[in-house]
Protein backbone atom coordinates (compact mmCIF):
# COMPACT_ATOMS: atom_id res chain seq x y z
CA UNK A 1 10.20 2.53 -4.45
CA UNK A 2 13.80 1.28 -3.21
CA UNK A 3 16.83 3.69 -3.06
CA UNK A 4 20.49 3.82 -1.60
CA UNK A 5 21.43 6.61 0.55
CA UNK A 6 24.07 7.03 2.81
CA UNK A 7 25.26 3.21 2.95
CA UNK A 8 21.92 2.60 3.50
CA UNK A 9 18.98 0.63 1.50
CA UNK A 10 15.67 2.35 2.03
CA UNK A 11 12.16 0.84 1.05
CA UNK A 12 9.45 3.42 0.87
CA UNK A 13 6.11 2.34 1.06
CA UNK A 14 3.62 5.72 -0.09
CA UNK A 15 0.28 5.14 0.66
CA UNK A 16 -3.22 6.90 -0.32
CA UNK A 17 -4.14 9.95 1.83
CA UNK A 18 -7.94 9.76 1.55
CA UNK A 19 -9.59 8.43 4.30
CA UNK A 20 -11.85 5.76 1.90
CA UNK A 21 -8.76 4.43 1.16
CA UNK A 22 -7.60 4.07 4.95
CA UNK A 23 -8.05 0.07 4.96
CA UNK A 24 -5.05 0.06 2.11
CA UNK A 25 -2.89 2.28 3.69
CA UNK A 26 -3.40 0.19 7.40
CA UNK A 27 -2.05 -2.98 5.69
CA UNK A 28 0.92 -1.40 4.03
CA UNK A 29 1.62 -0.27 7.82
CA UNK A 30 1.42 -3.68 9.13
CA UNK A 31 4.63 -4.30 6.09
CA UNK A 32 6.59 -1.17 8.02
CA UNK A 33 8.98 -1.22 10.59
CA UNK A 34 8.88 2.74 10.82
CA UNK A 35 6.15 5.06 9.80
CA UNK A 36 6.84 9.07 8.70
CA UNK A 37 3.81 11.10 9.35
CA UNK A 38 3.49 14.22 6.99
CA UNK A 39 1.39 16.90 8.77
CA UNK A 40 -0.14 20.23 6.73
CA UNK A 41 1.37 23.05 9.30
CA UNK A 42 -2.37 24.52 8.02
CA UNK A 43 -4.80 21.82 9.01
CA UNK A 44 -3.19 19.65 11.86
CA UNK A 45 -3.67 16.04 12.38
CA UNK A 46 -6.46 15.03 9.84
CA UNK A 47 -9.24 12.24 10.53
CA UNK A 48 -7.50 9.73 8.13
CA UNK A 49 -3.98 10.33 10.06
CA UNK A 50 -5.77 10.04 13.49
CA UNK A 51 -7.16 6.42 12.76
CA UNK A 52 -4.27 5.19 10.93
CA UNK A 53 -1.14 6.39 13.18
CA UNK A 54 -3.15 5.22 16.23
CA UNK A 55 -2.52 1.74 14.59
CA UNK A 56 1.20 2.39 14.89
CA UNK A 57 0.95 3.68 18.75
CA UNK A 58 -1.09 0.05 19.45
CA UNK A 59 1.86 -2.03 17.37
CA UNK A 60 4.64 0.58 18.83
CA UNK A 61 6.05 1.07 15.41
CA UNK A 62 8.63 4.27 15.99
CA UNK A 63 6.69 7.29 14.48
CA UNK A 64 8.66 10.22 12.90
CA UNK A 65 6.55 13.49 11.81
CA UNK A 66 7.88 16.06 9.08
CA UNK A 67 5.59 19.25 9.33
CA UNK A 68 5.41 20.58 5.71
CA UNK A 69 4.31 23.72 4.18
CA UNK A 70 6.15 26.02 6.45
CA UNK A 71 6.41 28.14 3.78
CA UNK A 72 2.87 29.04 3.40
CA UNK A 73 0.11 29.92 6.12
CA UNK A 74 0.85 27.69 9.57
CA UNK A 75 -1.00 27.04 12.76
CA UNK A 76 0.98 27.77 16.01
CA UNK A 77 3.90 25.90 16.27
CA UNK A 78 3.20 25.12 19.93
CA UNK A 79 -0.32 24.45 19.20
CA UNK A 80 0.36 22.05 16.54
CA UNK A 81 2.71 19.50 18.90
CA UNK A 82 0.23 19.53 21.38
CA UNK A 83 -2.61 18.08 18.86
CA UNK A 84 0.00 15.60 17.98
CA UNK A 85 0.11 14.82 21.57
CA UNK A 86 -3.06 14.54 22.48
CA UNK A 87 -4.76 12.69 19.59
CA UNK A 88 -2.02 10.20 19.54
CA UNK A 89 -1.27 10.00 23.02
CA UNK A 90 2.70 10.03 22.56
CA UNK A 91 5.00 12.93 23.43
CA UNK A 92 6.73 15.14 20.73
CA UNK A 93 10.66 16.19 20.64
CA UNK A 94 10.90 18.77 18.14
CA UNK A 95 14.45 18.14 16.34
CA UNK A 96 14.60 21.58 15.00
CA UNK A 97 12.07 24.51 15.17
CA UNK A 98 10.78 26.90 12.46
CA UNK A 99 11.71 30.57 12.29
CA UNK A 100 8.28 32.43 11.02
CA UNK A 101 5.61 30.72 8.87
CA UNK A 102 4.40 31.68 5.41
CA UNK A 103 6.04 34.67 3.86
CA UNK A 104 7.90 35.39 6.96
CA UNK A 105 9.38 31.81 6.94
CA UNK A 106 13.26 32.31 7.37
CA UNK A 107 14.29 28.54 7.95
CA UNK A 108 14.85 26.64 10.88
CA UNK A 109 17.10 26.05 14.08
CA UNK A 110 18.57 22.82 14.49
CA UNK A 111 18.56 22.03 18.00
CA UNK A 112 21.35 19.39 18.03
CA UNK A 113 23.81 21.17 16.41
CA UNK A 114 22.60 25.13 17.88
CA UNK A 115 22.52 26.35 14.49
CA UNK A 116 20.08 27.93 11.91
CA UNK A 117 19.34 26.50 8.56
CA UNK A 118 18.39 29.61 6.31
CA UNK A 119 15.83 29.26 4.15
CA UNK A 120 15.56 31.79 1.11
CA UNK A 121 12.58 31.36 -1.51
CA UNK A 122 11.84 32.35 -4.73
CA UNK A 123 8.53 32.26 -6.06
CA UNK A 124 9.56 31.69 -9.52
CA UNK A 125 11.56 28.62 -8.43
CA UNK A 126 9.75 26.51 -6.02
CA UNK A 127 8.83 23.38 -6.87
CA UNK A 128 11.69 23.25 -9.37
CA UNK A 129 14.64 22.56 -7.37
CA UNK A 130 16.10 23.34 -3.96
CA UNK A 131 15.78 26.53 -2.35
CA UNK A 132 19.38 27.98 -0.96
CA UNK A 133 20.10 27.06 2.46
CA UNK A 134 23.07 28.15 4.74
CA UNK A 135 24.43 27.67 8.61
CA UNK A 136 24.62 30.60 10.96
CA UNK A 137 24.69 30.07 14.63
CA UNK A 138 22.28 31.36 17.15
CA UNK A 139 24.15 33.72 18.99
CA UNK A 140 26.07 35.47 15.59
CA UNK A 141 25.36 38.83 15.73
CA UNK A 142 24.40 38.72 11.87
CA UNK A 143 21.36 36.82 13.09
CA UNK A 144 19.41 39.84 13.41
CA UNK A 145 20.00 41.22 10.15
CA UNK A 146 18.82 37.88 8.32
CA UNK A 147 15.88 37.26 11.08
CA UNK A 148 14.94 40.75 11.95
CA UNK A 149 14.95 42.05 15.70
CA UNK A 150 11.20 40.17 15.95
CA UNK A 151 11.37 36.78 14.89
CA UNK A 152 15.39 36.76 16.49
CA UNK A 153 13.85 37.36 20.05
CA UNK A 154 10.58 35.01 19.39
CA UNK A 155 13.12 32.08 18.39
CA UNK A 156 15.75 32.87 21.39
CA UNK A 157 12.37 32.63 23.77
CA UNK A 158 11.10 29.37 21.53
CA UNK A 159 14.12 27.30 22.28
CA UNK A 160 14.78 28.41 26.10
CA UNK A 161 11.09 27.09 26.16
CA UNK A 162 11.58 24.00 24.67
CA UNK A 163 15.20 23.33 26.32
CA UNK A 164 13.19 24.07 29.76
CA UNK A 165 9.81 22.84 29.47
CA UNK A 166 9.71 20.34 26.79
CA UNK A 167 10.53 16.24 26.34
CA UNK A 168 13.72 15.16 26.76
CA UNK A 169 15.13 13.00 23.73
CA UNK A 170 15.13 9.42 24.09
CA UNK A 171 16.30 7.47 21.63
CA UNK A 172 15.06 4.17 23.29
CA UNK A 173 11.18 5.78 23.55
CA UNK A 174 11.89 6.75 19.66
CA UNK A 175 12.48 3.26 18.71
CA UNK A 176 9.43 1.85 20.75
CA UNK A 177 6.78 4.53 19.77
CA UNK A 178 6.23 6.50 22.83
CA UNK A 179 8.09 9.89 21.55
CA UNK A 180 8.15 11.14 17.66
CA UNK A 181 10.81 13.56 16.72
CA UNK A 182 9.32 16.31 14.91
CA UNK A 183 11.23 18.02 11.84
CA UNK A 184 9.73 21.03 10.35
CA UNK A 185 10.50 22.12 6.64
CA UNK A 186 8.72 22.44 2.87
CA UNK A 187 8.92 19.39 0.45
CA UNK A 188 7.72 21.21 -2.25
CA UNK A 189 11.57 23.27 -2.13
CA UNK A 190 13.35 20.35 -0.55
CA UNK A 191 13.94 22.47 2.48
CA UNK A 192 14.54 20.35 5.53
CA UNK A 193 13.96 17.37 3.40
CA UNK A 194 17.62 15.89 3.63
CA UNK A 195 18.24 17.12 7.24
CA UNK A 196 15.32 14.80 8.12
CA UNK A 197 16.30 11.77 5.97
CA UNK A 198 19.98 11.95 7.79
CA UNK A 199 18.14 11.95 11.38
CA UNK A 200 15.77 9.28 10.56
CA UNK A 201 18.39 7.08 9.29
CA UNK A 202 20.84 7.69 12.59
CA UNK A 203 17.24 7.01 14.48
CA UNK A 204 15.07 4.55 12.80
CA UNK A 205 16.41 0.43 13.33
CA UNK A 206 17.22 -2.40 10.85
CA UNK A 207 14.72 -4.46 9.82
CA UNK A 208 13.01 -5.88 13.30
CA UNK A 209 11.76 -9.60 14.40
CA UNK A 210 8.23 -10.75 13.58
CA UNK A 211 6.11 -12.86 15.43
CA UNK A 212 4.98 -15.66 14.33
CA UNK A 213 2.57 -18.88 15.35
CA UNK A 214 6.00 -20.58 15.73
CA UNK A 215 7.38 -18.04 18.11
CA UNK A 216 9.37 -14.89 17.12
CA UNK A 217 11.48 -14.91 13.53
CA UNK A 218 14.92 -12.88 13.81
CA UNK A 219 15.46 -11.06 10.59
CA UNK A 220 19.19 -12.36 10.25
CA UNK A 221 17.86 -15.74 10.04
CA UNK A 222 19.37 -17.40 6.99
CA UNK A 223 15.71 -18.77 6.07
CA UNK A 224 13.81 -16.81 3.86
CA UNK A 225 10.33 -15.75 5.08
CA UNK A 226 7.85 -13.28 3.53
CA UNK A 227 3.99 -12.48 3.98
CA UNK A 228 1.37 -10.88 1.43
CA UNK A 229 0.22 -7.62 2.67
CA UNK A 230 -1.06 -6.44 -1.04
CA UNK A 231 -2.46 -7.70 -3.99
CA UNK A 232 -2.72 -6.08 -7.23
CA UNK A 233 -4.92 -7.08 -10.49
CA UNK A 234 -4.46 -5.47 -13.67
CA UNK A 235 -1.39 -3.29 -13.10
CA UNK A 236 -0.32 -4.11 -16.79
CA UNK A 237 -3.47 -4.13 -18.82
CA UNK A 238 -1.91 -5.53 -21.69
CA UNK A 239 -0.82 -8.53 -19.40
CA UNK A 240 -3.79 -8.89 -17.13
CA UNK A 241 -1.22 -9.60 -14.63
CA UNK A 242 -1.59 -9.90 -11.00
CA UNK A 243 0.85 -8.76 -8.76
CA UNK A 244 1.29 -10.44 -4.98
CA UNK A 245 3.03 -7.79 -2.90
CA UNK A 246 5.70 -9.44 0.10
CA UNK A 247 7.43 -7.88 2.87
CA UNK A 248 11.00 -10.19 3.64
CA UNK A 249 10.95 -10.77 6.94
CA UNK A 250 14.26 -13.06 7.19
CA UNK A 251 16.84 -14.68 5.29
CA UNK A 252 17.34 -14.18 1.56
CA UNK A 253 15.07 -13.75 -1.80
CA UNK A 254 16.61 -15.62 -4.80
CA UNK A 255 14.94 -15.57 -8.20
CA UNK A 256 13.51 -18.98 -9.06
CA UNK A 257 13.74 -20.38 -5.47
CA UNK A 258 11.29 -23.07 -3.97
CA UNK A 259 9.62 -21.97 -1.57
CA UNK A 260 6.32 -23.14 0.88
CA UNK A 261 2.71 -21.31 0.52
CA UNK A 262 2.13 -22.24 4.34
CA UNK A 263 -2.19 -21.34 3.69
CA UNK A 264 -2.16 -23.14 -0.10
CA UNK A 265 -0.29 -26.00 1.84
CA UNK A 266 2.12 -26.53 -1.41
CA UNK A 267 5.55 -26.06 -2.17
CA UNK A 268 5.96 -23.46 -5.27
CA UNK A 269 8.44 -21.39 -7.37
CA UNK A 270 7.91 -17.83 -6.77
CA UNK A 271 8.17 -16.40 -10.57
CA UNK A 272 8.82 -13.06 -11.84
CA UNK A 273 10.12 -11.50 -9.05
CA UNK A 274 9.67 -7.43 -9.28
CA UNK A 275 10.26 -4.31 -7.68
CA UNK A 276 8.17 -0.85 -8.32
CA UNK A 277 8.47 2.91 -8.43
CA UNK A 278 5.19 4.42 -10.09
CA UNK A 279 5.20 2.55 -13.27
CA UNK A 280 8.26 1.44 -13.80
CA UNK A 281 9.21 -2.22 -12.98
CA UNK A 282 12.60 -4.30 -13.30
CA UNK A 283 13.19 -7.93 -11.91
CA UNK A 284 15.23 -8.54 -8.95
CA UNK A 285 17.82 -11.67 -8.85
CA UNK A 286 17.78 -11.40 -4.90
CA UNK A 287 16.18 -9.65 -2.18
CA UNK A 288 16.92 -9.42 1.71
CA UNK A 289 14.76 -8.75 5.28
CA UNK A 290 12.90 -5.49 4.79
CA UNK A 291 12.67 -5.31 1.09
CA UNK A 292 9.87 -5.51 -0.67
CA UNK A 293 8.93 -7.38 -3.88
CA UNK A 294 5.94 -8.12 -6.24
CA UNK A 295 5.49 -11.92 -7.63
CA UNK A 296 3.17 -13.55 -10.04
CA UNK A 297 0.17 -14.49 -8.49
CA UNK A 298 -1.78 -16.92 -10.48
CA UNK A 299 -4.85 -16.29 -7.90
CA UNK A 300 -3.45 -18.69 -5.25
CA UNK A 301 -2.52 -15.66 -2.61
CA UNK A 302 -4.55 -13.87 -0.29
CA UNK A 303 -3.61 -10.76 1.73
CA UNK A 304 -1.57 -12.55 5.21
CA UNK A 305 -0.19 -15.42 3.80
CA UNK A 306 2.72 -16.59 4.65
CA UNK A 307 5.76 -17.98 2.36
CA UNK A 308 8.71 -19.57 4.05
CA UNK A 309 10.99 -22.22 3.51
CA UNK A 310 10.35 -26.18 2.60
CA UNK A 311 10.08 -28.11 5.85
CA UNK A 312 9.09 -25.06 7.83
CA UNK A 313 5.79 -24.62 8.46
CA UNK A 314 4.71 -21.33 10.45
CA UNK A 315 2.30 -18.58 9.88
CA UNK A 316 2.82 -14.74 10.33
CA UNK A 317 0.09 -12.85 12.40
CA UNK A 318 -2.66 -12.23 10.28
CA UNK A 319 -3.77 -8.79 9.14
CA UNK A 320 -6.84 -7.49 10.79
CA UNK A 321 -9.68 -6.04 8.27
CA UNK A 322 -11.91 -3.22 8.89
CA UNK A 323 -15.34 -3.40 9.40
CA UNK A 324 -17.27 -1.89 6.71
CA UNK A 325 -19.26 1.11 7.30
CA UNK A 326 -21.17 1.62 3.87
CA UNK A 327 -22.73 -1.52 1.74
CA UNK A 328 -24.74 -1.92 -1.35
CA UNK A 329 -26.20 -4.76 -3.65
CA UNK A 330 -24.35 -5.34 -6.80
CA UNK A 331 -25.82 -6.32 -9.86
CA UNK A 332 -24.60 -6.86 -13.44
CA UNK A 333 -26.39 -5.01 -16.20
CA UNK A 334 -25.93 -7.57 -18.99
CA UNK A 335 -26.85 -11.27 -17.89
CA UNK A 336 -24.60 -12.73 -20.58
CA UNK A 337 -21.59 -11.25 -18.69
CA UNK A 338 -21.93 -13.53 -15.49
CA UNK A 339 -18.53 -15.02 -15.68
CA UNK A 340 -16.95 -11.63 -16.14
CA UNK A 341 -18.80 -9.89 -13.29
CA UNK A 342 -18.20 -13.07 -10.91
CA UNK A 343 -14.44 -12.74 -11.68
CA UNK A 344 -14.00 -9.18 -11.71
CA UNK A 345 -15.77 -8.45 -8.22
CA UNK A 346 -13.97 -11.86 -6.93
CA UNK A 347 -10.40 -10.54 -7.91
CA UNK A 348 -11.30 -6.74 -6.36
CA UNK A 349 -12.07 -8.37 -3.24
CA UNK A 350 -9.21 -10.69 -2.89
CA UNK A 351 -7.39 -7.34 -3.50
CA UNK A 352 -8.93 -6.19 -0.31
CA UNK A 353 -10.12 -3.08 -1.84
CA UNK A 354 -13.57 -4.16 -1.30
CA UNK A 355 -15.42 -6.83 0.99
CA UNK A 356 -18.20 -8.79 -0.47
CA UNK A 357 -20.95 -11.14 0.95
CA UNK A 358 -23.69 -13.65 -0.30
CA UNK A 359 -27.05 -13.82 0.98
CA UNK A 360 -27.49 -16.81 3.82
CA UNK A 361 -28.40 -19.79 1.85
CA UNK A 362 -27.67 -17.88 -1.67
CA UNK A 363 -25.39 -17.81 -4.16
CA UNK A 364 -23.58 -15.42 -6.26
CA UNK A 365 -26.44 -14.52 -7.85
CA UNK A 366 -27.41 -11.53 -4.92
CA UNK A 367 -24.02 -10.09 -4.07
CA UNK A 368 -23.40 -7.41 -1.46
CA UNK A 369 -20.56 -5.34 -1.50
CA UNK A 370 -19.03 -3.69 1.60
CA UNK A 371 -16.72 -1.03 1.90
CA UNK A 372 -14.83 1.35 4.37
CA UNK A 373 -15.80 4.60 2.12
CA UNK A 374 -18.01 5.29 -0.35
CA UNK A 375 -15.49 6.22 -2.59
CA UNK A 376 -14.62 2.74 -2.95
CA UNK A 377 -18.23 2.13 -4.50
CA UNK A 378 -16.99 4.30 -7.59
CA UNK A 379 -13.53 2.62 -7.82
CA UNK A 380 -15.12 -0.68 -7.82
CA UNK A 381 -17.89 0.58 -11.01
CA UNK A 382 -15.00 1.97 -12.47
CA UNK A 383 -12.63 -1.33 -12.66
CA UNK A 384 -15.21 -3.30 -13.56
CA UNK A 385 -16.03 -1.46 -16.58
CA UNK A 386 -12.46 -0.72 -17.65
CA UNK A 387 -11.22 -3.88 -16.49
CA UNK A 388 -13.40 -6.55 -17.20
CA UNK A 389 -15.81 -4.56 -19.65
CA UNK A 390 -18.68 -4.89 -16.91
CA UNK A 391 -21.44 -2.54 -16.27
CA UNK A 392 -22.85 -2.72 -13.10
CA UNK A 393 -25.80 -1.15 -11.22
CA UNK A 394 -25.39 -0.52 -7.43
CA UNK A 395 -28.25 -0.37 -4.83
CA UNK A 396 -27.30 1.24 -1.48
CA UNK A 397 -28.18 -0.51 1.91
CA UNK A 398 -28.95 0.99 5.07
CA UNK A 399 -26.70 -1.37 6.95
CA UNK A 400 -23.75 0.35 8.63
CA UNK A 401 -22.52 -2.06 11.16
CA UNK A 402 -20.88 -5.60 11.08
CA UNK A 403 -20.04 -8.39 13.16
CA UNK A 404 -18.17 -11.37 12.70
CA UNK A 405 -19.25 -14.49 14.43
CA UNK A 406 -16.68 -15.77 16.95
CA UNK A 407 -17.86 -19.17 17.81
CA UNK A 408 -19.46 -19.94 14.39
CA UNK A 409 -19.09 -23.94 15.26
CA UNK A 410 -20.99 -23.59 18.46
CA UNK A 411 -23.80 -21.64 16.67
CA UNK A 412 -26.73 -22.51 14.86
CA UNK A 413 -27.21 -19.66 12.24
CA UNK A 414 -31.31 -20.66 12.05
CA UNK A 415 -31.84 -20.18 15.81
CA UNK A 416 -30.52 -17.01 16.20
CA UNK A 417 -32.83 -14.58 17.80
CA UNK A 418 -32.48 -11.52 15.45
CA UNK A 419 -33.90 -8.00 15.36
CA UNK A 420 -36.07 -6.51 12.44
CA UNK A 421 -32.85 -4.89 11.49
CA UNK A 422 -30.75 -7.43 11.09
CA UNK A 423 -29.28 -9.26 8.10
CA UNK A 424 -27.47 -12.84 8.09
CA UNK A 425 -24.95 -13.11 5.28
CA UNK A 426 -21.57 -15.18 4.42
CA UNK A 427 -18.22 -14.10 3.52
CA UNK A 428 -16.32 -15.68 0.61
CA UNK A 429 -14.66 -18.14 2.90
CA UNK A 430 -18.08 -19.53 4.31
CA UNK A 431 -17.85 -17.54 7.48
CA UNK A 432 -21.42 -16.16 8.95
CA UNK A 433 -21.64 -12.47 9.89
CA UNK A 434 -24.52 -10.32 10.95
CA UNK A 435 -25.38 -6.88 9.52
CA UNK A 436 -27.23 -4.21 11.43
CA UNK A 437 -28.51 -0.76 10.77
CA UNK A 438 -28.84 0.45 14.20
CA UNK A 439 -26.13 0.20 17.01
CA UNK A 440 -28.04 -0.44 19.58
CA UNK A 441 -29.66 -4.16 17.50
CA UNK A 442 -25.73 -5.72 17.97
CA UNK A 443 -26.21 -5.32 22.14
CA UNK A 444 -29.95 -6.68 21.80
CA UNK A 445 -28.81 -9.30 19.69
CA UNK A 446 -26.71 -10.59 22.17
CA UNK A 447 -28.58 -10.15 25.08
CA UNK A 448 -30.87 -12.46 23.37
CA UNK A 449 -28.36 -15.19 21.98
CA UNK A 450 -26.26 -15.44 25.72
CA UNK A 451 -24.20 -18.16 23.87
CA UNK A 452 -23.32 -15.72 20.72
CA UNK A 453 -19.85 -14.57 20.76
CA UNK A 454 -19.59 -11.40 17.96
CA UNK A 455 -16.64 -9.29 16.96
CA UNK A 456 -15.73 -6.14 15.10
CA UNK A 457 -13.03 -7.22 13.30
CA UNK A 458 -11.33 -10.31 11.22
CA UNK A 459 -7.95 -11.26 9.83
CA UNK A 460 -6.86 -12.33 6.71
């Protein structure tokens, strides 16, 4: 989704919230320059949030926190901040401060402007349009009348504590992912959303330089370059299309321009460039660093691929893949639909929704599917049935741990001394991997094979 606001062009990448799709969210984070962490005030930091935003901390991506649903019952505000700091290992700086919560939610105190943004909820209008908001100074005599004596005194005590014992605001720490500005509000009623957006635009950066195999690429370079972070097939069932989503990292994109597909080793024309918002899409004639475009993919792109100008040959850093935690053997029920089955499962794997493996020294007759979350098995079954007209049977396997062989050129797979719960498989690129039922088997295999180097991650 792209829109203009206050003289800025903003690209928003929305991601699935369910933890079973955390890998898709992670790949999207690789295309982002800043991240907005939305936290439910009654739940705090949830499992999927913890996993993904630790990635942001590792990459030093600026994290802006919006604590939502303050017009409902919420946890203690100081406890919410403490949880964020402990879970993610970064400091927090409340840009505003909530006054009550649930039915007692009266608004927020803006620490920068030293004034109150009052909340006037209406149960009949919530979720339909913005609630009323007005500004009052913290020392205004009318404040006790609006908030009540108890809430007014609590607010003054909280603000005094924040000013005396909280982190100091440091924009450089924010931009390096070491301090998270925190905002409170209610997205359903649009309360606090606009002040958040305005503060976000003031504090965030323009598109940042990116590391490549040939050094750092400046986003203001005149030469176009981009990388693929997402592939989606059959977005339009009528046309069976396949779209590769690219993050532009430098230069200017122009419709129909000739570029080099680095991993494919050939020149191509980027046809039918599109930008999307939900199910709506429109053709774009030009785009710039920081923009996201979708281009028609005839089956040549993979996640992590680099596109640059002819004459250039560098690659952006690969996108790490999560290690699958659940495995199943997949068979099609109708052997006459073998072609559709192989096509469908291969395309879904290329999107990154699943990972598929073959038996060592076997073919596509026996396919093992690995996923991060079990819900992805249901998605696989549904998509094969509805998009490729193929019915499948899934047989769950006991394996829970996978390791890539980092020094595959130096290792003879036949001579690996394994354990009874170990299985040798190959991925679609011919890379050897080992599956294990028990975690201790990983260490035992390494002890038995001193030259074997195993890794938990692979890169696209």
